[in-house]
N, C-alpha and C. Protein backbone atom coordinates (compact mmCIF):
# COMPACT_ATOMS: atom_id res chain seq x y z
N UNK A 1 131.47 84.69 251.96
CA UNK A 1 132.00 85.96 251.51
C UNK A 1 133.26 85.71 250.68
N UNK A 2 133.34 86.26 249.49
CA UNK A 2 134.53 86.05 248.65
C UNK A 2 135.77 86.71 249.24
N UNK A 3 136.90 86.10 248.96
CA UNK A 3 138.17 86.63 249.47
C UNK A 3 138.54 87.89 248.72
N UNK A 4 139.27 88.74 249.40
CA UNK A 4 139.70 90.00 248.81
C UNK A 4 141.04 89.82 248.11
N UNK A 5 141.15 90.28 246.88
CA UNK A 5 142.40 90.23 246.14
C UNK A 5 143.21 91.48 246.46
N UNK A 6 144.51 91.29 246.67
CA UNK A 6 145.40 92.42 246.91
C UNK A 6 146.56 92.37 245.94
N UNK A 7 147.14 93.53 245.68
CA UNK A 7 148.31 93.60 244.81
C UNK A 7 149.57 93.38 245.64
N UNK A 8 150.40 92.45 245.21
CA UNK A 8 151.68 92.17 245.86
C UNK A 8 152.73 91.98 244.78
N UNK A 9 153.99 92.07 245.17
CA UNK A 9 155.08 91.85 244.22
C UNK A 9 155.68 90.47 244.44
N UNK A 10 156.01 89.81 243.34
CA UNK A 10 156.72 88.54 243.40
C UNK A 10 158.09 88.81 244.01
N UNK A 11 158.48 88.00 244.98
CA UNK A 11 159.76 88.21 245.65
C UNK A 11 160.95 87.81 244.78
N UNK A 12 160.69 87.10 243.68
CA UNK A 12 161.78 86.69 242.79
C UNK A 12 161.98 87.69 241.65
N UNK A 13 160.94 87.89 240.85
CA UNK A 13 161.08 88.71 239.65
C UNK A 13 160.50 90.11 239.80
N UNK A 14 159.87 90.39 240.93
CA UNK A 14 159.28 91.70 241.26
C UNK A 14 158.06 92.06 240.40
N UNK A 15 157.48 91.08 239.72
CA UNK A 15 156.26 91.33 238.96
C UNK A 15 155.11 91.60 239.92
N UNK A 16 154.23 92.52 239.56
CA UNK A 16 153.07 92.81 240.40
C UNK A 16 151.96 91.84 240.04
N UNK A 17 151.43 91.18 241.07
CA UNK A 17 150.38 90.18 240.87
C UNK A 17 149.26 90.41 241.87
N UNK A 18 148.11 89.81 241.60
CA UNK A 18 147.00 89.86 242.53
C UNK A 18 146.83 88.48 243.16
N UNK A 19 146.81 88.47 244.49
CA UNK A 19 146.61 87.23 245.22
C UNK A 19 145.56 87.45 246.30
N UNK A 20 144.98 86.36 246.71
CA UNK A 20 144.02 86.37 247.80
C UNK A 20 144.72 86.83 249.07
N UNK A 21 144.11 87.75 249.79
CA UNK A 21 144.71 88.31 250.99
C UNK A 21 145.00 87.25 252.05
N UNK A 22 144.11 86.29 252.22
CA UNK A 22 144.33 85.23 253.20
C UNK A 22 145.52 84.35 252.82
N UNK A 23 145.68 84.10 251.54
CA UNK A 23 146.82 83.30 251.06
C UNK A 23 148.13 84.02 251.36
N UNK A 24 148.17 85.31 251.08
CA UNK A 24 149.38 86.11 251.33
C UNK A 24 149.71 86.11 252.82
N UNK A 25 148.70 86.30 253.66
CA UNK A 25 148.90 86.30 255.11
C UNK A 25 149.45 84.96 255.58
N UNK A 26 148.87 83.87 255.10
CA UNK A 26 149.32 82.53 255.49
C UNK A 26 150.74 82.26 255.03
N UNK A 27 151.07 82.62 253.79
CA UNK A 27 152.44 82.42 253.29
C UNK A 27 153.45 83.19 254.14
N UNK A 28 153.10 84.40 254.50
CA UNK A 28 154.02 85.20 255.31
C UNK A 28 154.18 84.61 256.71
N UNK A 29 153.09 84.10 257.29
CA UNK A 29 153.18 83.47 258.61
C UNK A 29 154.05 82.23 258.56
N UNK A 30 154.02 81.50 257.45
CA UNK A 30 154.80 80.27 257.31
C UNK A 30 156.22 80.54 256.83
N UNK A 31 156.54 81.80 256.53
CA UNK A 31 157.88 82.15 256.05
C UNK A 31 158.12 81.76 254.61
N UNK A 32 157.04 81.62 253.84
CA UNK A 32 157.18 81.25 252.43
C UNK A 32 157.23 82.49 251.57
N UNK A 33 157.86 82.37 250.41
CA UNK A 33 157.96 83.47 249.47
C UNK A 33 156.63 83.71 248.76
N UNK A 34 156.39 84.97 248.45
CA UNK A 34 155.26 85.33 247.60
C UNK A 34 155.79 85.26 246.16
N UNK A 35 155.21 84.38 245.35
CA UNK A 35 155.71 84.16 244.00
C UNK A 35 154.61 84.33 242.97
N UNK A 36 154.99 84.83 241.80
CA UNK A 36 154.06 84.88 240.67
C UNK A 36 153.95 83.45 240.12
N UNK A 37 152.93 83.18 239.32
CA UNK A 37 152.77 81.82 238.79
C UNK A 37 153.99 81.32 238.00
N UNK A 38 154.64 82.21 237.25
CA UNK A 38 155.78 81.77 236.44
C UNK A 38 156.95 81.34 237.33
N UNK A 39 157.27 82.15 238.34
CA UNK A 39 158.37 81.81 239.24
C UNK A 39 158.05 80.55 240.04
N UNK A 40 156.80 80.40 240.44
CA UNK A 40 156.38 79.20 241.19
C UNK A 40 156.55 77.96 240.32
N UNK A 41 156.12 78.06 239.06
CA UNK A 41 156.25 76.92 238.15
C UNK A 41 157.71 76.56 237.89
N UNK A 42 158.56 77.56 237.75
CA UNK A 42 159.99 77.32 237.53
C UNK A 42 160.59 76.61 238.76
N UNK A 43 160.24 77.08 239.97
CA UNK A 43 160.75 76.47 241.19
C UNK A 43 160.30 75.01 241.31
N UNK A 44 159.04 74.77 241.03
CA UNK A 44 158.51 73.40 241.11
C UNK A 44 159.18 72.51 240.07
N UNK A 45 159.37 73.01 238.85
CA UNK A 45 160.01 72.22 237.80
C UNK A 45 161.45 71.85 238.20
N UNK A 46 162.18 72.81 238.79
CA UNK A 46 163.54 72.52 239.24
C UNK A 46 163.54 71.46 240.33
N UNK A 47 162.60 71.58 241.28
CA UNK A 47 162.52 70.59 242.36
C UNK A 47 162.18 69.20 241.82
N UNK A 48 161.27 69.14 240.85
CA UNK A 48 160.93 67.85 240.24
C UNK A 48 162.12 67.25 239.49
N UNK A 49 162.87 68.10 238.80
CA UNK A 49 164.05 67.63 238.07
C UNK A 49 165.10 67.07 239.04
N UNK A 50 165.34 67.77 240.12
CA UNK A 50 166.30 67.31 241.13
C UNK A 50 165.83 65.99 241.73
N UNK A 51 164.54 65.90 242.06
CA UNK A 51 164.00 64.66 242.63
C UNK A 51 164.16 63.49 241.67
N UNK A 52 163.84 63.72 240.39
CA UNK A 52 163.97 62.66 239.39
C UNK A 52 165.42 62.21 239.26
N UNK A 53 166.35 63.18 239.26
CA UNK A 53 167.77 62.84 239.15
C UNK A 53 168.27 62.11 240.39
N UNK A 54 167.77 62.49 241.56
CA UNK A 54 168.18 61.81 242.79
C UNK A 54 167.73 60.36 242.80
N UNK A 55 166.49 60.12 242.40
CA UNK A 55 165.96 58.76 242.41
C UNK A 55 166.54 57.89 241.31
N UNK A 56 167.05 58.52 240.25
CA UNK A 56 167.68 57.74 239.18
C UNK A 56 169.16 57.52 239.45
N UNK A 57 169.70 58.16 240.50
CA UNK A 57 171.10 57.98 240.85
C UNK A 57 172.04 58.91 240.11
N UNK A 58 171.52 59.88 239.37
CA UNK A 58 172.36 60.79 238.58
C UNK A 58 172.76 62.05 239.34
N UNK A 59 172.27 62.23 240.55
CA UNK A 59 172.48 63.49 241.26
C UNK A 59 172.85 63.23 242.71
N UNK A 60 173.88 63.90 243.16
CA UNK A 60 174.22 63.88 244.57
C UNK A 60 174.28 65.32 245.04
N UNK A 61 173.54 65.61 246.10
CA UNK A 61 173.51 66.97 246.61
C UNK A 61 174.81 67.27 247.33
N UNK A 62 175.36 68.44 247.02
CA UNK A 62 176.57 68.88 247.71
C UNK A 62 176.15 69.73 248.90
N UNK A 63 176.74 69.46 250.04
CA UNK A 63 176.40 70.19 251.25
C UNK A 63 177.55 71.14 251.58
N UNK A 64 177.23 72.40 251.73
CA UNK A 64 178.21 73.41 252.12
C UNK A 64 178.20 73.48 253.65
N UNK A 65 179.11 72.73 254.29
CA UNK A 65 179.13 72.66 255.73
C UNK A 65 179.50 73.99 256.38
N UNK A 66 180.32 74.79 255.71
CA UNK A 66 180.66 76.10 256.27
C UNK A 66 179.42 76.98 256.37
N UNK A 67 178.60 76.99 255.34
CA UNK A 67 177.36 77.77 255.36
C UNK A 67 176.41 77.22 256.42
N UNK A 68 176.34 75.91 256.54
CA UNK A 68 175.49 75.29 257.55
C UNK A 68 175.92 75.69 258.95
N UNK A 69 177.23 75.69 259.20
CA UNK A 69 177.74 76.09 260.52
C UNK A 69 177.37 77.53 260.85
N UNK A 70 177.42 78.41 259.84
CA UNK A 70 177.08 79.82 260.06
C UNK A 70 175.62 79.96 260.46
N UNK A 71 174.76 79.14 259.89
CA UNK A 71 173.33 79.25 260.17
C UNK A 71 172.95 78.67 261.53
N UNK A 72 173.68 77.70 261.99
CA UNK A 72 173.38 77.08 263.28
C UNK A 72 174.08 77.85 264.39
N UNK A 73 173.54 77.80 265.58
CA UNK A 73 174.25 78.45 266.68
C UNK A 73 175.37 77.52 267.17
N UNK A 74 176.26 78.04 267.94
CA UNK A 74 177.47 77.30 268.35
C UNK A 74 177.15 76.00 269.08
N UNK A 75 176.14 75.98 269.93
CA UNK A 75 175.79 74.77 270.68
C UNK A 75 175.35 73.66 269.72
N UNK A 76 174.53 74.01 268.72
CA UNK A 76 174.07 73.01 267.76
C UNK A 76 175.23 72.47 266.94
N UNK A 77 176.16 73.33 266.56
CA UNK A 77 177.30 72.90 265.75
C UNK A 77 178.14 71.89 266.50
N UNK A 78 178.40 72.12 267.78
CA UNK A 78 179.23 71.21 268.57
C UNK A 78 178.56 69.84 268.70
N UNK A 79 177.25 69.81 268.81
CA UNK A 79 176.57 68.53 268.98
C UNK A 79 176.47 67.75 267.67
N UNK A 80 176.52 68.45 266.55
CA UNK A 80 176.38 67.78 265.25
C UNK A 80 177.73 67.31 264.73
N UNK A 81 178.75 68.18 264.82
CA UNK A 81 180.04 67.88 264.22
C UNK A 81 181.00 67.39 265.25
């Protein structure tokens, strides 16, 4: 039986797109964003660029420890820092 296409909005640019209902359900269960093809391609290109720069030694990721502390609960913060 063919999958049913449903209309959803891209969570980045708000464009209305049609996606397979099972795909949308799975992405939501996994906590992933629903993206249009253009936003998905832009995200992947940025990730590839960062990876290439990291492996070539041109990029060092900056870590915002204050933001990290806010996201972790107090017990986790004490054990890490």
